[in-house]
Amino acid sequence: MKTLSVVIPVYNEVDSLPELVTQLKAAVSEYEKAEVLFIDDGSTDGTAEYIDNLVKDDNLFALIQFHRNYGKSAALSEGFKYARNQFVVTMDADLQDDPAEIRNLQDKIDEGFDLISGWKKERHDPFTKTFPSKVWNFFTRLITGVKIHDFNCGLKMYRKAVVKSLDIYGGRHRYIPALAGFKKFRVSEAVVNHRPRVHGKTKYGGKRFLHGIFDMISILFLSRYHQQPLHLFGSMGMLSLTAGVLIECYVLFLKYAVGNSFSRHMALLLFGVMLIVVGIQFISIGLLGEMITQSSQGNEDRIRKISGSVE
């Protein structure tokens, strides 16, 4: 028996919802048990009201409503929290992702994978979106070692264990396949149908690429050194400390073996002292990091209302 949860972040997409709902009902009908969780990310165009009315008439659907716009990562994080079924699908609400592709994703994940990411091989978007995306995907693939073509495709299928283990915030939704790969989940991809946008306009601007660079740096740092920060800061500290000590030894050699005064090499002397101080600081930061254990921090209350069958 296969069960499915569909998680859909939605922001000002009221015109797309009637057709999307119809397609979703057809796509999930073959599952023994299914749920569709809409996470309204602070819409102002009547989206939340439409879904709220929908869940009153059909228990397939549920609504999680935010106070204001928090972004896609926050929406996915809440959806993952409430998803209850064996498999989880994420998709966008703008009708560019085709719900009929859920069947293909299921076939692929049944081969033994934990996460299947959609690949928009034929993408119906302007060049200003497709070219930067190709460049970004290339470098992400190169840096993370996860060999897929489209990291940020909204259409993905996961086993439940994957979504329950991921910590998604900020802009980390762009790197979900990489995050899963770092946790040793089996990641693959499947070519999916990508449709032109019919209603509304894209919610993503050019600045997301700059943000994506910083998100990548934080992910690489946290994935490798989150549990052992001293390995990173200690290595840099020891390198700086060693270089400083060697420089000071060289200055002492010049003083006592060659006979030069300290004043002739004052700049080198001060540089060595600076390296020693910086090295000690790096090591201290690493030690403090080791002492700080990961603790659950009280998150800001984002949710205004939960409607439908979400427990």
Foldseek 3Di string as FASTA:
>chain_A
DFEEEEQEEAAQQQVLPVVVVVQLCVLRVPGPYYAYEYEYQAHDNCNVVVQQVVQVPDLNYKYFYFPHHFDDLVSLLVSLVQDDTFKYKFAYRQCQFGSNCVVVQVVVVVVPFFKAAEDQPPADDDPVPVVVQQVVQVVLCVVLVQDDRQQQHRTMMGGSVLSVPDDTHDPCSSHSQSLSVLVVGGYYYDYGGGDHGDDDDDPDDPCVVVVVVVVVVVSVCCSPPVQQLLVVLLVQLVVLQVVLVVLCVVLVCCCPVVNDDCVVVVVSNVSSVVSNVSSVVSNVVRVVSNVDDDDDDDDDPTTDDIGHDGD
